[in-house]
Amino acid sequence: KQPEWLPEGYTFQSGEIVPPYYHF
C-alpha cells in the first residue's frame, strides 16, 4: 500500500506488477 508518509512534494507516479522469477 502507499506509504502513510512521504517526503513533501512526492506523489504517486505509477505502479508495476512483476511476474515471478527466481534467484539462481
PDBML (XML) file of the C-alpha atoms, coordinates in Angstrom:
<?xml version="1.0" encoding="UTF-8" ?>
<PDBx:datablock datablockName="MODEL"
   xmlns:PDBx="http://pdbml.pdb.org/schema/pdbx-v50.xsd"
   xmlns:xsi="http://www.w3.org/2001/XMLSchema-instance"
   xsi:schemaLocation="http://pdbml.pdb.org/schema/pdbx-v50.xsd pdbx-v50.xsd">
   <PDBx:atom_siteCategory>
      <PDBx:atom_site id="1">
         <PDBx:B_iso_or_equiv>0.00</PDBx:B_iso_or_equiv>
         <PDBx:Cartn_x>0.000</PDBx:Cartn_x>
         <PDBx:Cartn_y>0.000</PDBx:Cartn_y>
         <PDBx:Cartn_z>0.000</PDBx:Cartn_z>
         <PDBx:auth_asym_id>A</PDBx:auth_asym_id>
         <PDBx:auth_atom_id>CA</PDBx:auth_atom_id>
         <PDBx:auth_comp_id>LYS</PDBx:auth_comp_id>
         <PDBx:auth_seq_id>1</PDBx:auth_seq_id>
         <PDBx:group_PDB>ATOM</PDBx:group_PDB>
         <PDBx:label_alt_id xsi:nil="true" />
         <PDBx:label_asym_id>A</PDBx:label_asym_id>
         <PDBx:label_atom_id>CA</PDBx:label_atom_id>
         <PDBx:label_comp_id>LYS</PDBx:label_comp_id>
         <PDBx:label_entity_id>1</PDBx:label_entity_id>
         <PDBx:label_seq_id>1</PDBx:label_seq_id>
         <PDBx:occupancy>1.00</PDBx:occupancy>
         <PDBx:pdbx_PDB_model_num>1</PDBx:pdbx_PDB_model_num>
         <PDBx:type_symbol>C</PDBx:type_symbol>
      </PDBx:atom_site>
      <PDBx:atom_site id="2">
         <PDBx:B_iso_or_equiv>0.00</PDBx:B_iso_or_equiv>
         <PDBx:Cartn_x>1.028</PDBx:Cartn_x>
         <PDBx:Cartn_y>3.581</PDBx:Cartn_y>
         <PDBx:Cartn_z>-0.446</PDBx:Cartn_z>
         <PDBx:auth_asym_id>A</PDBx:auth_asym_id>
         <PDBx:auth_atom_id>CA</PDBx:auth_atom_id>
         <PDBx:auth_comp_id>GLN</PDBx:auth_comp_id>
         <PDBx:auth_seq_id>2</PDBx:auth_seq_id>
         <PDBx:group_PDB>ATOM</PDBx:group_PDB>
         <PDBx:label_alt_id xsi:nil="true" />
         <PDBx:label_asym_id>A</PDBx:label_asym_id>
         <PDBx:label_atom_id>CA</PDBx:label_atom_id>
         <PDBx:label_comp_id>GLN</PDBx:label_comp_id>
         <PDBx:label_entity_id>1</PDBx:label_entity_id>
         <PDBx:label_seq_id>2</PDBx:label_seq_id>
         <PDBx:occupancy>1.00</PDBx:occupancy>
         <PDBx:pdbx_PDB_model_num>1</PDBx:pdbx_PDB_model_num>
         <PDBx:type_symbol>C</PDBx:type_symbol>
      </PDBx:atom_site>
      <PDBx:atom_site id="3">
         <PDBx:B_iso_or_equiv>0.00</PDBx:B_iso_or_equiv>
         <PDBx:Cartn_x>3.247</PDBx:Cartn_x>
         <PDBx:Cartn_y>4.643</PDBx:Cartn_y>
         <PDBx:Cartn_z>2.495</PDBx:Cartn_z>
         <PDBx:auth_asym_id>A</PDBx:auth_asym_id>
         <PDBx:auth_atom_id>CA</PDBx:auth_atom_id>
         <PDBx:auth_comp_id>PRO</PDBx:auth_comp_id>
         <PDBx:auth_seq_id>3</PDBx:auth_seq_id>
         <PDBx:group_PDB>ATOM</PDBx:group_PDB>
         <PDBx:label_alt_id xsi:nil="true" />
         <PDBx:label_asym_id>A</PDBx:label_asym_id>
         <PDBx:label_atom_id>CA</PDBx:label_atom_id>
         <PDBx:label_comp_id>PRO</PDBx:label_comp_id>
         <PDBx:label_entity_id>1</PDBx:label_entity_id>
         <PDBx:label_seq_id>3</PDBx:label_seq_id>
         <PDBx:occupancy>1.00</PDBx:occupancy>
         <PDBx:pdbx_PDB_model_num>1</PDBx:pdbx_PDB_model_num>
         <PDBx:type_symbol>C</PDBx:type_symbol>
      </PDBx:atom_site>
      <PDBx:atom_site id="4">
         <PDBx:B_iso_or_equiv>0.00</PDBx:B_iso_or_equiv>
         <PDBx:Cartn_x>1.405</PDBx:Cartn_x>
         <PDBx:Cartn_y>6.760</PDBx:Cartn_y>
         <PDBx:Cartn_z>5.024</PDBx:Cartn_z>
         <PDBx:auth_asym_id>A</PDBx:auth_asym_id>
         <PDBx:auth_atom_id>CA</PDBx:auth_atom_id>
         <PDBx:auth_comp_id>GLU</PDBx:auth_comp_id>
         <PDBx:auth_seq_id>4</PDBx:auth_seq_id>
         <PDBx:group_PDB>ATOM</PDBx:group_PDB>
         <PDBx:label_alt_id xsi:nil="true" />
         <PDBx:label_asym_id>A</PDBx:label_asym_id>
         <PDBx:label_atom_id>CA</PDBx:label_atom_id>
         <PDBx:label_comp_id>GLU</PDBx:label_comp_id>
         <PDBx:label_entity_id>1</PDBx:label_entity_id>
         <PDBx:label_seq_id>4</PDBx:label_seq_id>
         <PDBx:occupancy>1.00</PDBx:occupancy>
         <PDBx:pdbx_PDB_model_num>1</PDBx:pdbx_PDB_model_num>
         <PDBx:type_symbol>C</PDBx:type_symbol>
      </PDBx:atom_site>
      <PDBx:atom_site id="5">
         <PDBx:B_iso_or_equiv>0.00</PDBx:B_iso_or_equiv>
         <PDBx:Cartn_x>4.311</PDBx:Cartn_x>
         <PDBx:Cartn_y>9.203</PDBx:Cartn_y>
         <PDBx:Cartn_z>4.992</PDBx:Cartn_z>
         <PDBx:auth_asym_id>A</PDBx:auth_asym_id>
         <PDBx:auth_atom_id>CA</PDBx:auth_atom_id>
         <PDBx:auth_comp_id>TRP</PDBx:auth_comp_id>
         <PDBx:auth_seq_id>5</PDBx:auth_seq_id>
         <PDBx:group_PDB>ATOM</PDBx:group_PDB>
         <PDBx:label_alt_id xsi:nil="true" />
         <PDBx:label_asym_id>A</PDBx:label_asym_id>
         <PDBx:label_atom_id>CA</PDBx:label_atom_id>
         <PDBx:label_comp_id>TRP</PDBx:label_comp_id>
         <PDBx:label_entity_id>1</PDBx:label_entity_id>
         <PDBx:label_seq_id>5</PDBx:label_seq_id>
         <PDBx:occupancy>1.00</PDBx:occupancy>
         <PDBx:pdbx_PDB_model_num>1</PDBx:pdbx_PDB_model_num>
         <PDBx:type_symbol>C</PDBx:type_symbol>
      </PDBx:atom_site>
      <PDBx:atom_site id="6">
         <PDBx:B_iso_or_equiv>0.00</PDBx:B_iso_or_equiv>
         <PDBx:Cartn_x>6.315</PDBx:Cartn_x>
         <PDBx:Cartn_y>10.528</PDBx:Cartn_y>
         <PDBx:Cartn_z>2.056</PDBx:Cartn_z>
         <PDBx:auth_asym_id>A</PDBx:auth_asym_id>
         <PDBx:auth_atom_id>CA</PDBx:auth_atom_id>
         <PDBx:auth_comp_id>LEU</PDBx:auth_comp_id>
         <PDBx:auth_seq_id>6</PDBx:auth_seq_id>
         <PDBx:group_PDB>ATOM</PDBx:group_PDB>
         <PDBx:label_alt_id xsi:nil="true" />
         <PDBx:label_asym_id>A</PDBx:label_asym_id>
         <PDBx:label_atom_id>CA</PDBx:label_atom_id>
         <PDBx:label_comp_id>LEU</PDBx:label_comp_id>
         <PDBx:label_entity_id>1</PDBx:label_entity_id>
         <PDBx:label_seq_id>6</PDBx:label_seq_id>
         <PDBx:occupancy>1.00</PDBx:occupancy>
         <PDBx:pdbx_PDB_model_num>1</PDBx:pdbx_PDB_model_num>
         <PDBx:type_symbol>C</PDBx:type_symbol>
      </PDBx:atom_site>
      <PDBx:atom_site id="7">
         <PDBx:B_iso_or_equiv>0.00</PDBx:B_iso_or_equiv>
         <PDBx:Cartn_x>8.721</PDBx:Cartn_x>
         <PDBx:Cartn_y>13.471</PDBx:Cartn_y>
         <PDBx:Cartn_z>1.795</PDBx:Cartn_z>
         <PDBx:auth_asym_id>A</PDBx:auth_asym_id>
         <PDBx:auth_atom_id>CA</PDBx:auth_atom_id>
         <PDBx:auth_comp_id>PRO</PDBx:auth_comp_id>
         <PDBx:auth_seq_id>7</PDBx:auth_seq_id>
         <PDBx:group_PDB>ATOM</PDBx:group_PDB>
         <PDBx:label_alt_id xsi:nil="true" />
         <PDBx:label_asym_id>A</PDBx:label_asym_id>
         <PDBx:label_atom_id>CA</PDBx:label_atom_id>
         <PDBx:label_comp_id>PRO</PDBx:label_comp_id>
         <PDBx:label_entity_id>1</PDBx:label_entity_id>
         <PDBx:label_seq_id>7</PDBx:label_seq_id>
         <PDBx:occupancy>1.00</PDBx:occupancy>
         <PDBx:pdbx_PDB_model_num>1</PDBx:pdbx_PDB_model_num>
         <PDBx:type_symbol>C</PDBx:type_symbol>
      </PDBx:atom_site>
      <PDBx:atom_site id="8">
         <PDBx:B_iso_or_equiv>0.00</PDBx:B_iso_or_equiv>
         <PDBx:Cartn_x>6.906</PDBx:Cartn_x>
         <PDBx:Cartn_y>16.669</PDBx:Cartn_y>
         <PDBx:Cartn_z>0.880</PDBx:Cartn_z>
         <PDBx:auth_asym_id>A</PDBx:auth_asym_id>
         <PDBx:auth_atom_id>CA</PDBx:auth_atom_id>
         <PDBx:auth_comp_id>GLU</PDBx:auth_comp_id>
         <PDBx:auth_seq_id>8</PDBx:auth_seq_id>
         <PDBx:group_PDB>ATOM</PDBx:group_PDB>
         <PDBx:label_alt_id xsi:nil="true" />
         <PDBx:label_asym_id>A</PDBx:label_asym_id>
         <PDBx:label_atom_id>CA</PDBx:label_atom_id>
         <PDBx:label_comp_id>GLU</PDBx:label_comp_id>
         <PDBx:label_entity_id>1</PDBx:label_entity_id>
         <PDBx:label_seq_id>8</PDBx:label_seq_id>
         <PDBx:occupancy>1.00</PDBx:occupancy>
         <PDBx:pdbx_PDB_model_num>1</PDBx:pdbx_PDB_model_num>
         <PDBx:type_symbol>C</PDBx:type_symbol>
      </PDBx:atom_site>
      <PDBx:atom_site id="9">
         <PDBx:B_iso_or_equiv>0.00</PDBx:B_iso_or_equiv>
         <PDBx:Cartn_x>6.015</PDBx:Cartn_x>
         <PDBx:Cartn_y>17.029</PDBx:Cartn_y>
         <PDBx:Cartn_z>-2.795</PDBx:Cartn_z>
         <PDBx:auth_asym_id>A</PDBx:auth_asym_id>
         <PDBx:auth_atom_id>CA</PDBx:auth_atom_id>
         <PDBx:auth_comp_id>GLY</PDBx:auth_comp_id>
         <PDBx:auth_seq_id>9</PDBx:auth_seq_id>
         <PDBx:group_PDB>ATOM</PDBx:group_PDB>
         <PDBx:label_alt_id xsi:nil="true" />
         <PDBx:label_asym_id>A</PDBx:label_asym_id>
         <PDBx:label_atom_id>CA</PDBx:label_atom_id>
         <PDBx:label_comp_id>GLY</PDBx:label_comp_id>
         <PDBx:label_entity_id>1</PDBx:label_entity_id>
         <PDBx:label_seq_id>9</PDBx:label_seq_id>
         <PDBx:occupancy>1.00</PDBx:occupancy>
         <PDBx:pdbx_PDB_model_num>1</PDBx:pdbx_PDB_model_num>
         <PDBx:type_symbol>C</PDBx:type_symbol>
      </PDBx:atom_site>
      <PDBx:atom_site id="10">
         <PDBx:B_iso_or_equiv>0.00</PDBx:B_iso_or_equiv>
         <PDBx:Cartn_x>6.318</PDBx:Cartn_x>
         <PDBx:Cartn_y>13.348</PDBx:Cartn_y>
         <PDBx:Cartn_z>-3.805</PDBx:Cartn_z>
         <PDBx:auth_asym_id>A</PDBx:auth_asym_id>
         <PDBx:auth_atom_id>CA</PDBx:auth_atom_id>
         <PDBx:auth_comp_id>TYR</PDBx:auth_comp_id>
         <PDBx:auth_seq_id>10</PDBx:auth_seq_id>
         <PDBx:group_PDB>ATOM</PDBx:group_PDB>
         <PDBx:label_alt_id xsi:nil="true" />
         <PDBx:label_asym_id>A</PDBx:label_asym_id>
         <PDBx:label_atom_id>CA</PDBx:label_atom_id>
         <PDBx:label_comp_id>TYR</PDBx:label_comp_id>
         <PDBx:label_entity_id>1</PDBx:label_entity_id>
         <PDBx:label_seq_id>10</PDBx:label_seq_id>
         <PDBx:occupancy>1.00</PDBx:occupancy>
         <PDBx:pdbx_PDB_model_num>1</PDBx:pdbx_PDB_model_num>
         <PDBx:type_symbol>C</PDBx:type_symbol>
      </PDBx:atom_site>
      <PDBx:atom_site id="11">
         <PDBx:B_iso_or_equiv>0.00</PDBx:B_iso_or_equiv>
         <PDBx:Cartn_x>3.182</PDBx:Cartn_x>
         <PDBx:Cartn_y>11.905</PDBx:Cartn_y>
         <PDBx:Cartn_z>-5.402</PDBx:Cartn_z>
         <PDBx:auth_asym_id>A</PDBx:auth_asym_id>
         <PDBx:auth_atom_id>CA</PDBx:auth_atom_id>
         <PDBx:auth_comp_id>THR</PDBx:auth_comp_id>
         <PDBx:auth_seq_id>11</PDBx:auth_seq_id>
         <PDBx:group_PDB>ATOM</PDBx:group_PDB>
         <PDBx:label_alt_id xsi:nil="true" />
         <PDBx:label_asym_id>A</PDBx:label_asym_id>
         <PDBx:label_atom_id>CA</PDBx:label_atom_id>
         <PDBx:label_comp_id>THR</PDBx:label_comp_id>
         <PDBx:label_entity_id>1</PDBx:label_entity_id>
         <PDBx:label_seq_id>11</PDBx:label_seq_id>
         <PDBx:occupancy>1.00</PDBx:occupancy>
         <PDBx:pdbx_PDB_model_num>1</PDBx:pdbx_PDB_model_num>
         <PDBx:type_symbol>C</PDBx:type_symbol>
      </PDBx:atom_site>
      <PDBx:atom_site id="12">
         <PDBx:B_iso_or_equiv>0.00</PDBx:B_iso_or_equiv>
         <PDBx:Cartn_x>2.154</PDBx:Cartn_x>
         <PDBx:Cartn_y>8.595</PDBx:Cartn_y>
         <PDBx:Cartn_z>-6.956</PDBx:Cartn_z>
         <PDBx:auth_asym_id>A</PDBx:auth_asym_id>
         <PDBx:auth_atom_id>CA</PDBx:auth_atom_id>
         <PDBx:auth_comp_id>PHE</PDBx:auth_comp_id>
         <PDBx:auth_seq_id>12</PDBx:auth_seq_id>
         <PDBx:group_PDB>ATOM</PDBx:group_PDB>
         <PDBx:label_alt_id xsi:nil="true" />
         <PDBx:label_asym_id>A</PDBx:label_asym_id>
         <PDBx:label_atom_id>CA</PDBx:label_atom_id>
         <PDBx:label_comp_id>PHE</PDBx:label_comp_id>
         <PDBx:label_entity_id>1</PDBx:label_entity_id>
         <PDBx:label_seq_id>12</PDBx:label_seq_id>
         <PDBx:occupancy>1.00</PDBx:occupancy>
         <PDBx:pdbx_PDB_model_num>1</PDBx:pdbx_PDB_model_num>
         <PDBx:type_symbol>C</PDBx:type_symbol>
      </PDBx:atom_site>
      <PDBx:atom_site id="13">
         <PDBx:B_iso_or_equiv>0.00</PDBx:B_iso_or_equiv>
         <PDBx:Cartn_x>3.509</PDBx:Cartn_x>
         <PDBx:Cartn_y>8.215</PDBx:Cartn_y>
         <PDBx:Cartn_z>-10.481</PDBx:Cartn_z>
         <PDBx:auth_asym_id>A</PDBx:auth_asym_id>
         <PDBx:auth_atom_id>CA</PDBx:auth_atom_id>
         <PDBx:auth_comp_id>GLN</PDBx:auth_comp_id>
         <PDBx:auth_seq_id>13</PDBx:auth_seq_id>
         <PDBx:group_PDB>ATOM</PDBx:group_PDB>
         <PDBx:label_alt_id xsi:nil="true" />
         <PDBx:label_asym_id>A</PDBx:label_asym_id>
         <PDBx:label_atom_id>CA</PDBx:label_atom_id>
         <PDBx:label_comp_id>GLN</PDBx:label_comp_id>
         <PDBx:label_entity_id>1</PDBx:label_entity_id>
         <PDBx:label_seq_id>13</PDBx:label_seq_id>
         <PDBx:occupancy>1.00</PDBx:occupancy>
         <PDBx:pdbx_PDB_model_num>1</PDBx:pdbx_PDB_model_num>
         <PDBx:type_symbol>C</PDBx:type_symbol>
      </PDBx:atom_site>
      <PDBx:atom_site id="14">
         <PDBx:B_iso_or_equiv>0.00</PDBx:B_iso_or_equiv>
         <PDBx:Cartn_x>2.933</PDBx:Cartn_x>
         <PDBx:Cartn_y>4.570</PDBx:Cartn_y>
         <PDBx:Cartn_z>-11.417</PDBx:Cartn_z>
         <PDBx:auth_asym_id>A</PDBx:auth_asym_id>
         <PDBx:auth_atom_id>CA</PDBx:auth_atom_id>
         <PDBx:auth_comp_id>SER</PDBx:auth_comp_id>
         <PDBx:auth_seq_id>14</PDBx:auth_seq_id>
         <PDBx:group_PDB>ATOM</PDBx:group_PDB>
         <PDBx:label_alt_id xsi:nil="true" />
         <PDBx:label_asym_id>A</PDBx:label_asym_id>
         <PDBx:label_atom_id>CA</PDBx:label_atom_id>
         <PDBx:label_comp_id>SER</PDBx:label_comp_id>
         <PDBx:label_entity_id>1</PDBx:label_entity_id>
         <PDBx:label_seq_id>14</PDBx:label_seq_id>
         <PDBx:occupancy>1.00</PDBx:occupancy>
         <PDBx:pdbx_PDB_model_num>1</PDBx:pdbx_PDB_model_num>
         <PDBx:type_symbol>C</PDBx:type_symbol>
      </PDBx:atom_site>
      <PDBx:atom_site id="15">
         <PDBx:B_iso_or_equiv>0.00</PDBx:B_iso_or_equiv>
         <PDBx:Cartn_x>2.672</PDBx:Cartn_x>
         <PDBx:Cartn_y>1.021</PDBx:Cartn_y>
         <PDBx:Cartn_z>-10.169</PDBx:Cartn_z>
         <PDBx:auth_asym_id>A</PDBx:auth_asym_id>
         <PDBx:auth_atom_id>CA</PDBx:auth_atom_id>
         <PDBx:auth_comp_id>GLY</PDBx:auth_comp_id>
         <PDBx:auth_seq_id>15</PDBx:auth_seq_id>
         <PDBx:group_PDB>ATOM</PDBx:group_PDB>
         <PDBx:label_alt_id xsi:nil="true" />
         <PDBx:label_asym_id>A</PDBx:label_asym_id>
         <PDBx:label_atom_id>CA</PDBx:label_atom_id>
         <PDBx:label_comp_id>GLY</PDBx:label_comp_id>
         <PDBx:label_entity_id>1</PDBx:label_entity_id>
         <PDBx:label_seq_id>15</PDBx:label_seq_id>
         <PDBx:occupancy>1.00</PDBx:occupancy>
         <PDBx:pdbx_PDB_model_num>1</PDBx:pdbx_PDB_model_num>
         <PDBx:type_symbol>C</PDBx:type_symbol>
      </PDBx:atom_site>
      <PDBx:atom_site id="16">
         <PDBx:B_iso_or_equiv>0.00</PDBx:B_iso_or_equiv>
         <PDBx:Cartn_x>4.157</PDBx:Cartn_x>
         <PDBx:Cartn_y>-2.187</PDBx:Cartn_y>
         <PDBx:Cartn_z>-11.561</PDBx:Cartn_z>
         <PDBx:auth_asym_id>A</PDBx:auth_asym_id>
         <PDBx:auth_atom_id>CA</PDBx:auth_atom_id>
         <PDBx:auth_comp_id>GLU</PDBx:auth_comp_id>
         <PDBx:auth_seq_id>16</PDBx:auth_seq_id>
         <PDBx:group_PDB>ATOM</PDBx:group_PDB>
         <PDBx:label_alt_id xsi:nil="true" />
         <PDBx:label_asym_id>A</PDBx:label_asym_id>
         <PDBx:label_atom_id>CA</PDBx:label_atom_id>
         <PDBx:label_comp_id>GLU</PDBx:label_comp_id>
         <PDBx:label_entity_id>1</PDBx:label_entity_id>
         <PDBx:label_seq_id>16</PDBx:label_seq_id>
         <PDBx:occupancy>1.00</PDBx:occupancy>
         <PDBx:pdbx_PDB_model_num>1</PDBx:pdbx_PDB_model_num>
         <PDBx:type_symbol>C</PDBx:type_symbol>
      </PDBx:atom_site>
      <PDBx:atom_site id="17">
         <PDBx:B_iso_or_equiv>0.00</PDBx:B_iso_or_equiv>
         <PDBx:Cartn_x>3.327</PDBx:Cartn_x>
         <PDBx:Cartn_y>-5.835</PDBx:Cartn_y>
         <PDBx:Cartn_z>-11.168</PDBx:Cartn_z>
         <PDBx:auth_asym_id>A</PDBx:auth_asym_id>
         <PDBx:auth_atom_id>CA</PDBx:auth_atom_id>
         <PDBx:auth_comp_id>ILE</PDBx:auth_comp_id>
         <PDBx:auth_seq_id>17</PDBx:auth_seq_id>
         <PDBx:group_PDB>ATOM</PDBx:group_PDB>
         <PDBx:label_alt_id xsi:nil="true" />
         <PDBx:label_asym_id>A</PDBx:label_asym_id>
         <PDBx:label_atom_id>CA</PDBx:label_atom_id>
         <PDBx:label_comp_id>ILE</PDBx:label_comp_id>
         <PDBx:label_entity_id>1</PDBx:label_entity_id>
         <PDBx:label_seq_id>17</PDBx:label_seq_id>
         <PDBx:occupancy>1.00</PDBx:occupancy>
         <PDBx:pdbx_PDB_model_num>1</PDBx:pdbx_PDB_model_num>
         <PDBx:type_symbol>C</PDBx:type_symbol>
      </PDBx:atom_site>
      <PDBx:atom_site id="18">
         <PDBx:B_iso_or_equiv>0.00</PDBx:B_iso_or_equiv>
         <PDBx:Cartn_x>6.265</PDBx:Cartn_x>
         <PDBx:Cartn_y>-8.107</PDBx:Cartn_y>
         <PDBx:Cartn_z>-11.959</PDBx:Cartn_z>
         <PDBx:auth_asym_id>A</PDBx:auth_asym_id>
         <PDBx:auth_atom_id>CA</PDBx:auth_atom_id>
         <PDBx:auth_comp_id>VAL</PDBx:auth_comp_id>
         <PDBx:auth_seq_id>18</PDBx:auth_seq_id>
         <PDBx:group_PDB>ATOM</PDBx:group_PDB>
         <PDBx:label_alt_id xsi:nil="true" />
         <PDBx:label_asym_id>A</PDBx:label_asym_id>
         <PDBx:label_atom_id>CA</PDBx:label_atom_id>
         <PDBx:label_comp_id>VAL</PDBx:label_comp_id>
         <PDBx:label_entity_id>1</PDBx:label_entity_id>
         <PDBx:label_seq_id>18</PDBx:label_seq_id>
         <PDBx:occupancy>1.00</PDBx:occupancy>
         <PDBx:pdbx_PDB_model_num>1</PDBx:pdbx_PDB_model_num>
         <PDBx:type_symbol>C</PDBx:type_symbol>
      </PDBx:atom_site>
      <PDBx:atom_site id="19">
         <PDBx:B_iso_or_equiv>0.00</PDBx:B_iso_or_equiv>
         <PDBx:Cartn_x>5.863</PDBx:Cartn_x>
         <PDBx:Cartn_y>-11.776</PDBx:Cartn_y>
         <PDBx:Cartn_z>-12.970</PDBx:Cartn_z>
         <PDBx:auth_asym_id>A</PDBx:auth_asym_id>
         <PDBx:auth_atom_id>CA</PDBx:auth_atom_id>
         <PDBx:auth_comp_id>PRO</PDBx:auth_comp_id>
         <PDBx:auth_seq_id>19</PDBx:auth_seq_id>
         <PDBx:group_PDB>ATOM</PDBx:group_PDB>
         <PDBx:label_alt_id xsi:nil="true" />
         <PDBx:label_asym_id>A</PDBx:label_asym_id>
         <PDBx:label_atom_id>CA</PDBx:label_atom_id>
         <PDBx:label_comp_id>PRO</PDBx:label_comp_id>
         <PDBx:label_entity_id>1</PDBx:label_entity_id>
         <PDBx:label_seq_id>19</PDBx:label_seq_id>
         <PDBx:occupancy>1.00</PDBx:occupancy>
         <PDBx:pdbx_PDB_model_num>1</PDBx:pdbx_PDB_model_num>
         <PDBx:type_symbol>C</PDBx:type_symbol>
      </PDBx:atom_site>
      <PDBx:atom_site id="20">
         <PDBx:B_iso_or_equiv>0.00</PDBx:B_iso_or_equiv>
         <PDBx:Cartn_x>7.591</PDBx:Cartn_x>
         <PDBx:Cartn_y>-14.347</PDBx:Cartn_y>
         <PDBx:Cartn_z>-10.724</PDBx:Cartn_z>
         <PDBx:auth_asym_id>A</PDBx:auth_asym_id>
         <PDBx:auth_atom_id>CA</PDBx:auth_atom_id>
         <PDBx:auth_comp_id>PRO</PDBx:auth_comp_id>
         <PDBx:auth_seq_id>20</PDBx:auth_seq_id>
         <PDBx:group_PDB>ATOM</PDBx:group_PDB>
         <PDBx:label_alt_id xsi:nil="true" />
         <PDBx:label_asym_id>A</PDBx:label_asym_id>
         <PDBx:label_atom_id>CA</PDBx:label_atom_id>
         <PDBx:label_comp_id>PRO</PDBx:label_comp_id>
         <PDBx:label_entity_id>1</PDBx:label_entity_id>
         <PDBx:label_seq_id>20</PDBx:label_seq_id>
         <PDBx:occupancy>1.00</PDBx:occupancy>
         <PDBx:pdbx_PDB_model_num>1</PDBx:pdbx_PDB_model_num>
         <PDBx:type_symbol>C</PDBx:type_symbol>
      </PDBx:atom_site>
      <PDBx:atom_site id="21">
         <PDBx:B_iso_or_equiv>0.00</PDBx:B_iso_or_equiv>
         <PDBx:Cartn_x>11.245</PDBx:Cartn_x>
         <PDBx:Cartn_y>-15.100</PDBx:Cartn_y>
         <PDBx:Cartn_z>-11.435</PDBx:Cartn_z>
         <PDBx:auth_asym_id>A</PDBx:auth_asym_id>
         <PDBx:auth_atom_id>CA</PDBx:auth_atom_id>
         <PDBx:auth_comp_id>TYR</PDBx:auth_comp_id>
         <PDBx:auth_seq_id>21</PDBx:auth_seq_id>
         <PDBx:group_PDB>ATOM</PDBx:group_PDB>
         <PDBx:label_alt_id xsi:nil="true" />
         <PDBx:label_asym_id>A</PDBx:label_asym_id>
         <PDBx:label_atom_id>CA</PDBx:label_atom_id>
         <PDBx:label_comp_id>TYR</PDBx:label_comp_id>
         <PDBx:label_entity_id>1</PDBx:label_entity_id>
         <PDBx:label_seq_id>21</PDBx:label_seq_id>
         <PDBx:occupancy>1.00</PDBx:occupancy>
         <PDBx:pdbx_PDB_model_num>1</PDBx:pdbx_PDB_model_num>
         <PDBx:type_symbol>C</PDBx:type_symbol>
      </PDBx:atom_site>
      <PDBx:atom_site id="22">
         <PDBx:B_iso_or_equiv>0.00</PDBx:B_iso_or_equiv>
         <PDBx:Cartn_x>13.859</PDBx:Cartn_x>
         <PDBx:Cartn_y>-16.707</PDBx:Cartn_y>
         <PDBx:Cartn_z>-9.204</PDBx:Cartn_z>
         <PDBx:auth_asym_id>A</PDBx:auth_asym_id>
         <PDBx:auth_atom_id>CA</PDBx:auth_atom_id>
         <PDBx:auth_comp_id>TYR</PDBx:auth_comp_id>
         <PDBx:auth_seq_id>22</PDBx:auth_seq_id>
         <PDBx:group_PDB>ATOM</PDBx:group_PDB>
         <PDBx:label_alt_id xsi:nil="true" />
         <PDBx:label_asym_id>A</PDBx:label_asym_id>
         <PDBx:label_atom_id>CA</PDBx:label_atom_id>
         <PDBx:label_comp_id>TYR</PDBx:label_comp_id>
         <PDBx:label_entity_id>1</PDBx:label_entity_id>
         <PDBx:label_seq_id>22</PDBx:label_seq_id>
         <PDBx:occupancy>1.00</PDBx:occupancy>
         <PDBx:pdbx_PDB_model_num>1</PDBx:pdbx_PDB_model_num>
         <PDBx:type_symbol>C</PDBx:type_symbol>
      </PDBx:atom_site>
      <PDBx:atom_site id="23">
         <PDBx:B_iso_or_equiv>0.00</PDBx:B_iso_or_equiv>
         <PDBx:Cartn_x>17.300</PDBx:Cartn_x>
         <PDBx:Cartn_y>-16.080</PDBx:Cartn_y>
         <PDBx:Cartn_z>-7.722</PDBx:Cartn_z>
         <PDBx:auth_asym_id>A</PDBx:auth_asym_id>
         <PDBx:auth_atom_id>CA</PDBx:auth_atom_id>
         <PDBx:auth_comp_id>HIS</PDBx:auth_comp_id>
         <PDBx:auth_seq_id>23</PDBx:auth_seq_id>
         <PDBx:group_PDB>ATOM</PDBx:group_PDB>
         <PDBx:label_alt_id xsi:nil="true" />
         <PDBx:label_asym_id>A</PDBx:label_asym_id>
         <PDBx:label_atom_id>CA</PDBx:label_atom_id>
         <PDBx:label_comp_id>HIS</PDBx:label_comp_id>
         <PDBx:label_entity_id>1</PDBx:label_entity_id>
         <PDBx:label_seq_id>23</PDBx:label_seq_id>
         <PDBx:occupancy>1.00</PDBx:occupancy>
         <PDBx:pdbx_PDB_model_num>1</PDBx:pdbx_PDB_model_num>
         <PDBx:type_symbol>C</PDBx:type_symbol>
      </PDBx:atom_site>
      <PDBx:atom_site id="24">
         <PDBx:B_iso_or_equiv>0.00</PDBx:B_iso_or_equiv>
         <PDBx:Cartn_x>19.831</PDBx:Cartn_x>
         <PDBx:Cartn_y>-18.578</PDBx:Cartn_y>
         <PDBx:Cartn_z>-9.073</PDBx:Cartn_z>
         <PDBx:auth_asym_id>A</PDBx:auth_asym_id>
         <PDBx:auth_atom_id>CA</PDBx:auth_atom_id>
         <PDBx:auth_comp_id>PHE</PDBx:auth_comp_id>
         <PDBx:auth_seq_id>24</PDBx:auth_seq_id>
         <PDBx:group_PDB>ATOM</PDBx:group_PDB>
         <PDBx:label_alt_id xsi:nil="true" />
         <PDBx:label_asym_id>A</PDBx:label_asym_id>
         <PDBx:label_atom_id>CA</PDBx:label_atom_id>
         <PDBx:label_comp_id>PHE</PDBx:label_comp_id>
         <PDBx:label_entity_id>1</PDBx:label_entity_id>
         <PDBx:label_seq_id>24</PDBx:label_seq_id>
         <PDBx:occupancy>1.00</PDBx:occupancy>
         <PDBx:pdbx_PDB_model_num>1</PDBx:pdbx_PDB_model_num>
         <PDBx:type_symbol>C</PDBx:type_symbol>
      </PDBx:atom_site>
   </PDBx:atom_siteCategory>
</PDBx:datablock>
